[in-house]
């Protein structure tokens, strides 16, 4: 039986509300790590819709992550929890626009 690395299961199960609360309260490192562990595949999938070249996909991914983390995570923290869209749907739209 193989064991997972410590913290991976916990991060994979972190609700987006908790991640956003941590980002807003200054617990940036753990929140950003949890966000990336959960949503990097989604961001990469969207980048691949716009680019074929793997190097350009990586560039798009890095650019998008930079934009999501700019200004104290302003974009991520603008997600309306009481809004009509679930977070992955909202994030998909934001990433595609970036």
PDB file of N, CA and C in Angstrom:
ATOM      1  N   UNK A   1       0.848  -1.174   0.000  1.00  0.00           N
ATOM      2  CA  UNK A   1       0.000   0.000   0.000  1.00  0.00           C
ATOM      3  C   UNK A   1       0.895   1.240   0.000  1.00  0.00           C
ATOM      4  N   UNK A   2       0.613   2.182  -0.887  1.00  0.00           N
ATOM      5  CA  UNK A   2       1.405   3.403  -0.948  1.00  0.00           C
ATOM      6  C   UNK A   2       0.726   4.512  -0.173  1.00  0.00           C
ATOM      7  N   UNK A   3       1.570   5.311   0.444  1.00  0.00           N
ATOM      8  CA  UNK A   3       1.041   6.453   1.179  1.00  0.00           C
ATOM      9  C   UNK A   3       1.229   7.697   0.335  1.00  0.00           C
ATOM     10  N   UNK A   4       0.261   8.584   0.419  1.00  0.00           N
ATOM     11  CA  UNK A   4       0.377   9.868  -0.267  1.00  0.00           C
ATOM     12  C   UNK A   4       1.268  10.788   0.536  1.00  0.00           C
ATOM     13  N   UNK A   5       1.807  11.768  -0.144  1.00  0.00           N
ATOM     14  CA  UNK A   5       2.615  12.769   0.541  1.00  0.00           C
ATOM     15  C   UNK A   5       1.766  13.488   1.565  1.00  0.00           C
ATOM     16  N   UNK A   6       2.344  13.871   2.685  1.00  0.00           N
ATOM     17  CA  UNK A   6       1.572  14.586   3.700  1.00  0.00           C
ATOM     18  C   UNK A   6       0.998  15.871   3.128  1.00  0.00           C
ATOM     19  N   UNK A   7      -0.247  16.104   3.442  1.00  0.00           N
ATOM     20  CA  UNK A   7      -0.888  17.353   3.051  1.00  0.00           C
ATOM     21  C   UNK A   7      -1.599  17.301   1.713  1.00  0.00           C
ATOM     22  N   UNK A   8      -1.295  16.340   0.844  1.00  0.00           N
ATOM     23  CA  UNK A   8      -1.931  16.316  -0.463  1.00  0.00           C
ATOM     24  C   UNK A   8      -3.413  16.006  -0.360  1.00  0.00           C
ATOM     25  N   UNK A   9      -3.771  15.014   0.434  1.00  0.00           N
ATOM     26  CA  UNK A   9      -5.183  14.688   0.583  1.00  0.00           C
ATOM     27  C   UNK A   9      -5.938  15.847   1.207  1.00  0.00           C
ATOM     28  N   UNK A  10      -5.338  16.463   2.210  1.00  0.00           N
ATOM     29  CA  UNK A  10      -5.987  17.586   2.886  1.00  0.00           C
ATOM     30  C   UNK A  10      -6.221  18.727   1.903  1.00  0.00           C
ATOM     31  N   UNK A  11      -5.214  19.047   1.109  1.00  0.00           N
ATOM     32  CA  UNK A  11      -5.340  20.153   0.160  1.00  0.00           C
ATOM     33  C   UNK A  11      -6.368  19.828  -0.905  1.00  0.00           C
ATOM     34  N   UNK A  12      -6.427  18.573  -1.329  1.00  0.00           N
ATOM     35  CA  UNK A  12      -7.365  18.185  -2.373  1.00  0.00           C
ATOM     36  C   UNK A  12      -8.807  18.308  -1.891  1.00  0.00           C
ATOM     37  N   UNK A  13      -9.013  18.260  -0.605  1.00  0.00           N
ATOM     38  CA  UNK A  13     -10.356  18.316  -0.052  1.00  0.00           C
ATOM     39  C   UNK A  13     -10.710  19.682   0.517  1.00  0.00           C
ATOM     40  N   UNK A  14      -9.843  20.646   0.368  1.00  0.00           N
ATOM     41  CA  UNK A  14     -10.098  21.969   0.935  1.00  0.00           C
ATOM     42  C   UNK A  14     -11.185  22.676   0.135  1.00  0.00           C
ATOM     43  N   UNK A  15     -12.299  23.005   0.762  1.00  0.00           N
ATOM     44  CA  UNK A  15     -13.353  23.731   0.041  1.00  0.00           C
ATOM     45  C   UNK A  15     -12.858  25.097  -0.421  1.00  0.00           C
ATOM     46  N   UNK A  16     -13.349  25.537  -1.556  1.00  0.00           N
ATOM     47  CA  UNK A  16     -12.907  26.814  -2.113  1.00  0.00           C
ATOM     48  C   UNK A  16     -13.185  27.956  -1.142  1.00  0.00           C
ATOM     49  N   UNK A  17     -14.237  27.867  -0.369  1.00  0.00           N
ATOM     50  CA  UNK A  17     -14.537  28.921   0.602  1.00  0.00           C
ATOM     51  C   UNK A  17     -13.413  29.065   1.622  1.00  0.00           C
ATOM     52  N   UNK A  18     -12.865  27.937   2.034  1.00  0.00           N
ATOM     53  CA  UNK A  18     -11.760  27.955   2.994  1.00  0.00           C
ATOM     54  C   UNK A  18     -10.519  28.549   2.340  1.00  0.00           C
ATOM     55  N   UNK A  19     -10.260  28.171   1.106  1.00  0.00           N
ATOM     56  CA  UNK A  19      -9.104  28.718   0.383  1.00  0.00           C
ATOM     57  C   UNK A  19      -9.236  30.231   0.254  1.00  0.00           C
ATOM     58  N   UNK A  20     -10.398  30.702  -0.148  1.00  0.00           N
ATOM     59  CA  UNK A  20     -10.610  32.135  -0.319  1.00  0.00           C
ATOM     60  C   UNK A  20     -10.502  32.873   1.011  1.00  0.00           C
ATOM     61  N   UNK A  21     -11.041  32.285   2.065  1.00  0.00           N
ATOM     62  CA  UNK A  21     -10.915  32.902   3.398  1.00  0.00           C
ATOM     63  C   UNK A  21      -9.455  33.014   3.816  1.00  0.00           C
ATOM     64  N   UNK A  22      -8.679  31.969   3.541  1.00  0.00           N
ATOM     65  CA  UNK A  22      -7.255  32.001   3.886  1.00  0.00           C
ATOM     66  C   UNK A  22      -6.514  33.056   3.074  1.00  0.00           C
ATOM     67  N   UNK A  23      -6.832  33.157   1.780  1.00  0.00           N
ATOM     68  CA  UNK A  23      -6.195  34.181   0.945  1.00  0.00           C
ATOM     69  C   UNK A  23      -6.506  35.575   1.482  1.00  0.00           C
ATOM     70  N   UNK A  24      -7.761  35.785   1.867  1.00  0.00           N
ATOM     71  CA  UNK A  24      -8.182  37.098   2.365  1.00  0.00           C
ATOM     72  C   UNK A  24      -7.563  37.422   3.717  1.00  0.00           C
ATOM     73  N   UNK A  25      -7.290  36.398   4.523  1.00  0.00           N
ATOM     74  CA  UNK A  25      -6.783  36.641   5.875  1.00  0.00           C
ATOM     75  C   UNK A  25      -5.257  36.621   5.950  1.00  0.00           C
ATOM     76  N   UNK A  26      -4.594  36.449   4.821  1.00  0.00           N
ATOM     77  CA  UNK A  26      -3.141  36.494   4.826  1.00  0.00           C
ATOM     78  C   UNK A  26      -2.448  35.155   4.956  1.00  0.00           C
ATOM     79  N   UNK A  27      -3.193  34.063   5.010  1.00  0.00           N
ATOM     80  CA  UNK A  27      -2.579  32.727   5.043  1.00  0.00           C
ATOM     81  C   UNK A  27      -2.319  32.288   3.605  1.00  0.00           C
ATOM     82  N   UNK A  28      -1.553  33.098   2.919  1.00  0.00           N
ATOM     83  CA  UNK A  28      -1.406  32.999   1.471  1.00  0.00           C
ATOM     84  C   UNK A  28      -0.715  31.715   1.020  1.00  0.00           C
ATOM     85  N   UNK A  29       0.375  31.346   1.661  1.00  0.00           N
ATOM     86  CA  UNK A  29       1.143  30.190   1.184  1.00  0.00           C
ATOM     87  C   UNK A  29       0.316  28.914   1.160  1.00  0.00           C
ATOM     88  N   UNK A  30      -0.330  28.600   2.256  1.00  0.00           N
ATOM     89  CA  UNK A  30      -1.108  27.356   2.301  1.00  0.00           C
ATOM     90  C   UNK A  30      -2.327  27.433   1.385  1.00  0.00           C
ATOM     91  N   UNK A  31      -2.934  28.601   1.312  1.00  0.00           N
ATOM     92  CA  UNK A  31      -4.119  28.751   0.466  1.00  0.00           C
ATOM     93  C   UNK A  31      -3.755  28.660  -1.011  1.00  0.00           C
ATOM     94  N   UNK A  32      -2.680  29.322  -1.419  1.00  0.00           N
ATOM     95  CA  UNK A  32      -2.268  29.299  -2.825  1.00  0.00           C
ATOM     96  C   UNK A  32      -1.852  27.884  -3.230  1.00  0.00           C
ATOM     97  N   UNK A  33      -1.158  27.184  -2.331  1.00  0.00           N
ATOM     98  CA  UNK A  33      -0.769  25.793  -2.606  1.00  0.00           C
ATOM     99  C   UNK A  33      -2.008  24.924  -2.796  1.00  0.00           C
ATOM    100  N   UNK A  34      -2.977  25.063  -1.908  1.00  0.00           N
ATOM    101  CA  UNK A  34      -4.211  24.281  -2.022  1.00  0.00           C
ATOM    102  C   UNK A  34      -4.954  24.628  -3.310  1.00  0.00           C
ATOM    103  N   UNK A  35      -5.011  25.923  -3.634  1.00  0.00           N
ATOM    104  CA  UNK A  35      -5.677  26.348  -4.869  1.00  0.00           C
ATOM    105  C   UNK A  35      -5.009  25.707  -6.079  1.00  0.00           C
ATOM    106  N   UNK A  36      -3.688  25.787  -6.153  1.00  0.00           N
ATOM    107  CA  UNK A  36      -2.975  25.235  -7.304  1.00  0.00           C
ATOM    108  C   UNK A  36      -3.127  23.720  -7.398  1.00  0.00           C
ATOM    109  N   UNK A  37      -3.108  23.035  -6.265  1.00  0.00           N
ATOM    110  CA  UNK A  37      -3.274  21.583  -6.292  1.00  0.00           C
ATOM    111  C   UNK A  37      -4.645  21.200  -6.825  1.00  0.00           C
ATOM    112  N   UNK A  38      -5.654  21.979  -6.509  1.00  0.00           N
ATOM    113  CA  UNK A  38      -7.000  21.656  -6.942  1.00  0.00           C
ATOM    114  C   UNK A  38      -7.325  22.144  -8.350  1.00  0.00           C
ATOM    115  N   UNK A  39      -6.825  23.308  -8.720  1.00  0.00           N
ATOM    116  CA  UNK A  39      -7.314  23.940  -9.939  1.00  0.00           C
ATOM    117  C   UNK A  39      -6.293  24.052 -11.064  1.00  0.00           C
ATOM    118  N   UNK A  40      -5.054  23.624 -10.848  1.00  0.00           N
ATOM    119  CA  UNK A  40      -4.079  23.630 -11.941  1.00  0.00           C
ATOM    120  C   UNK A  40      -4.540  22.810 -13.143  1.00  0.00           C
ATOM    121  N   UNK A  41      -5.118  21.622 -12.928  1.00  0.00           N
ATOM    122  CA  UNK A  41      -5.582  20.862 -14.095  1.00  0.00           C
ATOM    123  C   UNK A  41      -6.626  21.626 -14.921  1.00  0.00           C
ATOM    124  N   UNK A  42      -7.516  22.329 -14.265  1.00  0.00           N
ATOM    125  CA  UNK A  42      -8.527  23.119 -14.964  1.00  0.00           C
ATOM    126  C   UNK A  42      -7.877  24.248 -15.754  1.00  0.00           C
ATOM    127  N   UNK A  43      -6.947  24.956 -15.132  1.00  0.00           N
ATOM    128  CA  UNK A  43      -6.259  26.062 -15.798  1.00  0.00           C
ATOM    129  C   UNK A  43      -5.483  25.539 -17.006  1.00  0.00           C
ATOM    130  N   UNK A  44      -4.788  24.413 -16.856  1.00  0.00           N
ATOM    131  CA  UNK A  44      -4.040  23.830 -17.966  1.00  0.00           C
ATOM    132  C   UNK A  44      -4.970  23.388 -19.090  1.00  0.00           C
ATOM    133  N   UNK A  45      -6.086  22.808 -18.753  1.00  0.00           N
ATOM    134  CA  UNK A  45      -7.044  22.354 -19.771  1.00  0.00           C
ATOM    135  C   UNK A  45      -7.535  23.535 -20.610  1.00  0.00           C
ATOM    136  N   UNK A  46      -7.803  24.646 -19.956  1.00  0.00           N
ATOM    137  CA  UNK A  46      -8.270  25.828 -20.683  1.00  0.00           C
ATOM    138  C   UNK A  46      -7.139  26.403 -21.529  1.00  0.00           C
ATOM    139  N   UNK A  47      -5.924  26.444 -20.998  1.00  0.00           N
ATOM    140  CA  UNK A  47      -4.783  26.939 -21.771  1.00  0.00           C
ATOM    141  C   UNK A  47      -4.589  26.103 -23.037  1.00  0.00           C
ATOM    142  N   UNK A  48      -4.807  24.797 -22.922  1.00  0.00           N
ATOM    143  CA  UNK A  48      -4.653  23.914 -24.087  1.00  0.00           C
ATOM    144  C   UNK A  48      -5.730  24.161 -25.149  1.00  0.00           C
ATOM    145  N   UNK A  49      -6.838  24.747 -24.757  1.00  0.00           N
ATOM    146  CA  UNK A  49      -7.878  25.085 -25.738  1.00  0.00           C
ATOM    147  C   UNK A  49      -7.428  26.232 -26.644  1.00  0.00           C
ATOM    148  N   UNK A  50      -6.505  27.047 -26.158  1.00  0.00           N
ATOM    149  CA  UNK A  50      -6.065  28.224 -26.898  1.00  0.00           C
ATOM    150  C   UNK A  50      -4.694  28.042 -27.550  1.00  0.00           C
ATOM    151  N   UNK A  51      -3.907  27.100 -27.069  1.00  0.00           N
ATOM    152  CA  UNK A  51      -2.553  26.897 -27.579  1.00  0.00           C
ATOM    153  C   UNK A  51      -2.297  25.414 -27.824  1.00  0.00           C
ATOM    154  N   UNK A  52      -1.549  25.118 -28.884  1.00  0.00           N
ATOM    155  CA  UNK A  52      -1.160  23.736 -29.188  1.00  0.00           C
ATOM    156  C   UNK A  52       0.248  23.419 -28.696  1.00  0.00           C
ATOM    157  N   UNK A  53       1.125  24.389 -28.769  1.00  0.00           N
ATOM    158  CA  UNK A  53       2.519  24.209 -28.400  1.00  0.00           C
ATOM    159  C   UNK A  53       2.649  24.109 -26.882  1.00  0.00           C
ATOM    160  N   UNK A  54       3.328  23.065 -26.401  1.00  0.00           N
ATOM    161  CA  UNK A  54       3.417  22.834 -24.951  1.00  0.00           C
ATOM    162  C   UNK A  54       4.134  23.972 -24.229  1.00  0.00           C
ATOM    163  N   UNK A  55       5.110  24.582 -24.892  1.00  0.00           N
ATOM    164  CA  UNK A  55       5.811  25.704 -24.263  1.00  0.00           C
ATOM    165  C   UNK A  55       4.876  26.904 -24.094  1.00  0.00           C
ATOM    166  N   UNK A  56       4.057  27.146 -25.096  1.00  0.00           N
ATOM    167  CA  UNK A  56       3.110  28.261 -25.011  1.00  0.00           C
ATOM    168  C   UNK A  56       1.999  27.956 -23.998  1.00  0.00           C
ATOM    169  N   UNK A  57       1.609  26.701 -23.886  1.00  0.00           N
ATOM    170  CA  UNK A  57       0.631  26.317 -22.863  1.00  0.00           C
ATOM    171  C   UNK A  57       1.202  26.628 -21.478  1.00  0.00           C
ATOM    172  N   UNK A  58       2.460  26.272 -21.267  1.00  0.00           N
ATOM    173  CA  UNK A  58       3.116  26.564 -19.983  1.00  0.00           C
ATOM    174  C   UNK A  58       3.190  28.064 -19.735  1.00  0.00           C
ATOM    175  N   UNK A  59       3.502  28.824 -20.786  1.00  0.00           N
ATOM    176  CA  UNK A  59       3.537  30.282 -20.655  1.00  0.00           C
ATOM    177  C   UNK A  59       2.163  30.827 -20.265  1.00  0.00           C
ATOM    178  N   UNK A  60       1.123  30.311 -20.910  1.00  0.00           N
ATOM    179  CA  UNK A  60      -0.250  30.743 -20.588  1.00  0.00           C
ATOM    180  C   UNK A  60      -0.601  30.405 -19.145  1.00  0.00           C
ATOM    181  N   UNK A  61      -0.217  29.214 -18.716  1.00  0.00           N
ATOM    182  CA  UNK A  61      -0.479  28.788 -17.347  1.00  0.00           C
ATOM    183  C   UNK A  61       0.192  29.742 -16.355  1.00  0.00           C
ATOM    184  N   UNK A  62       1.472  30.025 -16.578  1.00  0.00           N
ATOM    185  CA  UNK A  62       2.204  30.915 -15.678  1.00  0.00           C
ATOM    186  C   UNK A  62       1.632  32.323 -15.694  1.00  0.00           C
ATOM    187  N   UNK A  63       1.281  32.813 -16.865  1.00  0.00           N
ATOM    188  CA  UNK A  63       0.683  34.147 -16.966  1.00  0.00           C
ATOM    189  C   UNK A  63      -0.631  34.197 -16.182  1.00  0.00           C
ATOM    190  N   UNK A  64      -1.461  33.178 -16.390  1.00  0.00           N
ATOM    191  CA  UNK A  64      -2.756  33.131 -15.715  1.00  0.00           C
ATOM    192  C   UNK A  64      -2.582  33.085 -14.207  1.00  0.00           C
ATOM    193  N   UNK A  65      -1.678  32.257 -13.725  1.00  0.00           N
ATOM    194  CA  UNK A  65      -1.435  32.179 -12.277  1.00  0.00           C
ATOM    195  C   UNK A  65      -0.945  33.518 -11.740  1.00  0.00           C
ATOM    196  N   UNK A  66      -0.093  34.181 -12.500  1.00  0.00           N
ATOM    197  CA  UNK A  66       0.375  35.495 -12.093  1.00  0.00           C
ATOM    198  C   UNK A  66      -0.762  36.494 -11.996  1.00  0.00           C
ATOM    199  N   UNK A  67      -1.645  36.462 -12.976  1.00  0.00           N
ATOM    200  CA  UNK A  67      -2.785  37.378 -12.965  1.00  0.00           C
ATOM    201  C   UNK A  67      -3.755  37.060 -11.825  1.00  0.00           C
ATOM    202  N   UNK A  68      -3.946  35.786 -11.544  1.00  0.00           N
ATOM    203  CA  UNK A  68      -4.841  35.402 -10.449  1.00  0.00           C
ATOM    204  C   UNK A  68      -4.285  35.798  -9.086  1.00  0.00           C
ATOM    205  N   UNK A  69      -2.962  35.860  -8.972  1.00  0.00           N
ATOM    206  CA  UNK A  69      -2.364  36.191  -7.683  1.00  0.00           C
ATOM    207  C   UNK A  69      -2.037  37.682  -7.538  1.00  0.00           C
ATOM    208  N   UNK A  70      -2.111  38.436  -8.636  1.00  0.00           N
ATOM    209  CA  UNK A  70      -1.812  39.875  -8.576  1.00  0.00           C
ATOM    210  C   UNK A  70      -2.762  40.625  -7.655  1.00  0.00           C
ATOM    211  N   UNK A  71      -2.260  41.726  -7.142  1.00  0.00           N
ATOM    212  CA  UNK A  71      -3.051  42.636  -6.310  1.00  0.00           C
ATOM    213  C   UNK A  71      -3.734  41.919  -5.155  1.00  0.00           C
ATOM    214  N   UNK A  72      -2.978  41.081  -4.464  1.00  0.00           N
ATOM    215  CA  UNK A  72      -3.537  40.393  -3.303  1.00  0.00           C
ATOM    216  C   UNK A  72      -4.656  39.435  -3.652  1.00  0.00           C
ATOM    217  N   UNK A  73      -4.527  38.771  -4.801  1.00  0.00           N
ATOM    218  CA  UNK A  73      -5.517  37.782  -5.255  1.00  0.00           C
ATOM    219  C   UNK A  73      -6.869  38.425  -5.554  1.00  0.00           C
ATOM    220  N   UNK A  74      -6.822  39.657  -6.026  1.00  0.00           N
ATOM    221  CA  UNK A  74      -8.025  40.445  -6.291  1.00  0.00           C
ATOM    222  C   UNK A  74      -9.047  39.677  -7.140  1.00  0.00           C
ATOM    223  N   UNK A  75      -8.582  39.067  -8.221  1.00  0.00           N
ATOM    224  CA  UNK A  75      -9.518  38.349  -9.096  1.00  0.00           C
ATOM    225  C   UNK A  75     -10.195  37.197  -8.367  1.00  0.00           C
ATOM    226  N   UNK A  76      -9.398  36.380  -7.695  1.00  0.00           N
ATOM    227  CA  UNK A  76      -9.976  35.235  -6.984  1.00  0.00           C
ATOM    228  C   UNK A  76     -10.946  35.683  -5.897  1.00  0.00           C
ATOM    229  N   UNK A  77     -10.572  36.731  -5.191  1.00  0.00           N
ATOM    230  CA  UNK A  77     -11.418  37.198  -4.092  1.00  0.00           C
ATOM    231  C   UNK A  77     -12.672  37.914  -4.581  1.00  0.00           C
ATOM    232  N   UNK A  78     -12.755  38.182  -5.883  1.00  0.00           N
ATOM    233  CA  UNK A  78     -13.966  38.813  -6.418  1.00  0.00           C
ATOM    234  C   UNK A  78     -15.069  37.792  -6.707  1.00  0.00           C
ATOM    235  N   UNK A  79     -14.763  36.511  -6.544  1.00  0.00           N
ATOM    236  CA  UNK A  79     -15.778  35.480  -6.745  1.00  0.00           C
ATOM    237  C   UNK A  79     -16.920  35.687  -5.760  1.00  0.00           C
ATOM    238  N   UNK A  80     -18.123  35.727  -6.288  1.00  0.00           N
ATOM    239  CA  UNK A  80     -19.313  35.907  -5.439  1.00  0.00           C
ATOM    240  C   UNK A  80     -19.845  34.540  -5.025  1.00  0.00           C
ATOM    241  N   UNK A  81     -19.691  34.249  -3.771  1.00  0.00           N
ATOM    242  CA  UNK A  81     -20.128  32.948  -3.254  1.00  0.00           C
ATOM    243  C   UNK A  81     -21.634  32.761  -3.362  1.00  0.00           C
ATOM    244  N   UNK A  82     -22.360  33.870  -3.328  1.00  0.00           N
ATOM    245  CA  UNK A  82     -23.823  33.794  -3.425  1.00  0.00           C
ATOM    246  C   UNK A  82     -24.289  33.994  -4.869  1.00  0.00           C
ATOM    247  N   UNK A  83     -23.340  34.047  -5.792  1.00  0.00           N
ATOM    248  CA  UNK A  83     -23.675  34.251  -7.199  1.00  0.00           C
ATOM    249  C   UNK A  83     -24.210  32.981  -7.849  1.00  0.00           C
ATOM    250  N   UNK A  84     -24.578  33.087  -9.103  1.00  0.00           N
ATOM    251  CA  UNK A  84     -25.211  31.962  -9.789  1.00  0.00           C
ATOM    252  C   UNK A  84     -24.238  30.860 -10.217  1.00  0.00           C
ATOM    253  N   UNK A  85     -22.945  31.161 -10.322  1.00  0.00           N
ATOM    254  CA  UNK A  85     -21.989  30.181 -10.852  1.00  0.00           C
ATOM    255  C   UNK A  85     -21.228  29.480  -9.736  1.00  0.00           C
ATOM    256  N   UNK A  86     -21.001  28.184  -9.935  1.00  0.00           N
ATOM    257  CA  UNK A  86     -20.110  27.455  -9.036  1.00  0.00           C
ATOM    258  C   UNK A  86     -18.696  27.913  -9.337  1.00  0.00           C
ATOM    259  N   UNK A  87     -17.792  27.760  -8.386  1.00  0.00           N
ATOM    260  CA  UNK A  87     -16.441  28.286  -8.541  1.00  0.00           C
ATOM    261  C   UNK A  87     -15.720  27.754  -9.786  1.00  0.00           C
ATOM    262  N   UNK A  88     -15.738  26.447 -10.057  1.00  0.00           N
ATOM    263  CA  UNK A  88     -15.020  25.980 -11.250  1.00  0.00           C
ATOM    264  C   UNK A  88     -15.549  26.604 -12.553  1.00  0.00           C
ATOM    265  N   UNK A  89     -16.838  26.826 -12.630  1.00  0.00           N
ATOM    266  CA  UNK A  89     -17.421  27.458 -13.802  1.00  0.00           C
ATOM    267  C   UNK A  89     -16.958  28.904 -13.904  1.00  0.00           C
ATOM    268  N   UNK A  90     -16.999  29.613 -12.790  1.00  0.00           N
ATOM    269  CA  UNK A  90     -16.551  30.987 -12.741  1.00  0.00           C
ATOM    270  C   UNK A  90     -15.086  31.099 -13.100  1.00  0.00           C
ATOM    271  N   UNK A  91     -14.263  30.227 -12.509  1.00  0.00           N
ATOM    272  CA  UNK A  91     -12.828  30.240 -12.769  1.00  0.00           C
ATOM    273  C   UNK A  91     -12.537  29.956 -14.243  1.00  0.00           C
ATOM    274  N   UNK A  92     -13.250  29.026 -14.827  1.00  0.00           N
ATOM    275  CA  UNK A  92     -13.069  28.723 -16.241  1.00  0.00           C
ATOM    276  C   UNK A  92     -13.271  29.956 -17.104  1.00  0.00           C
ATOM    277  N   UNK A  93     -14.285  30.718 -16.789  1.00  0.00           N
ATOM    278  CA  UNK A  93     -14.560  31.931 -17.531  1.00  0.00           C
ATOM    279  C   UNK A  93     -13.448  32.961 -17.348  1.00  0.00           C
ATOM    280  N   UNK A  94     -13.001  33.142 -16.119  1.00  0.00           N
ATOM    281  CA  UNK A  94     -11.928  34.105 -15.823  1.00  0.00           C
ATOM    282  C   UNK A  94     -10.655  33.698 -16.561  1.00  0.00           C
ATOM    283  N   UNK A  95     -10.302  32.427 -16.488  1.00  0.00           N
ATOM    284  CA  UNK A  95      -9.069  31.947 -17.135  1.00  0.00           C
ATOM    285  C   UNK A  95      -9.154  32.109 -18.645  1.00  0.00           C
ATOM    286  N   UNK A  96     -10.280  31.773 -19.225  1.00  0.00           N
ATOM    287  CA  UNK A  96     -10.447  31.911 -20.685  1.00  0.00           C
ATOM    288  C   UNK A  96     -10.312  33.387 -21.094  1.00  0.00           C
ATOM    289  N   UNK A  97     -10.837  34.287 -20.289  1.00  0.00           N
ATOM    290  CA  UNK A  97     -10.715  35.722 -20.598  1.00  0.00           C
ATOM    291  C   UNK A  97      -9.289  36.218 -20.465  1.00  0.00           C
ATOM    292  N   UNK A  98      -8.538  35.651 -19.549  1.00  0.00           N
ATOM    293  CA  UNK A  98      -7.139  36.056 -19.397  1.00  0.00           C
ATOM    294  C   UNK A  98      -6.332  35.574 -20.584  1.00  0.00           C
TER     295      UNK A  98
END
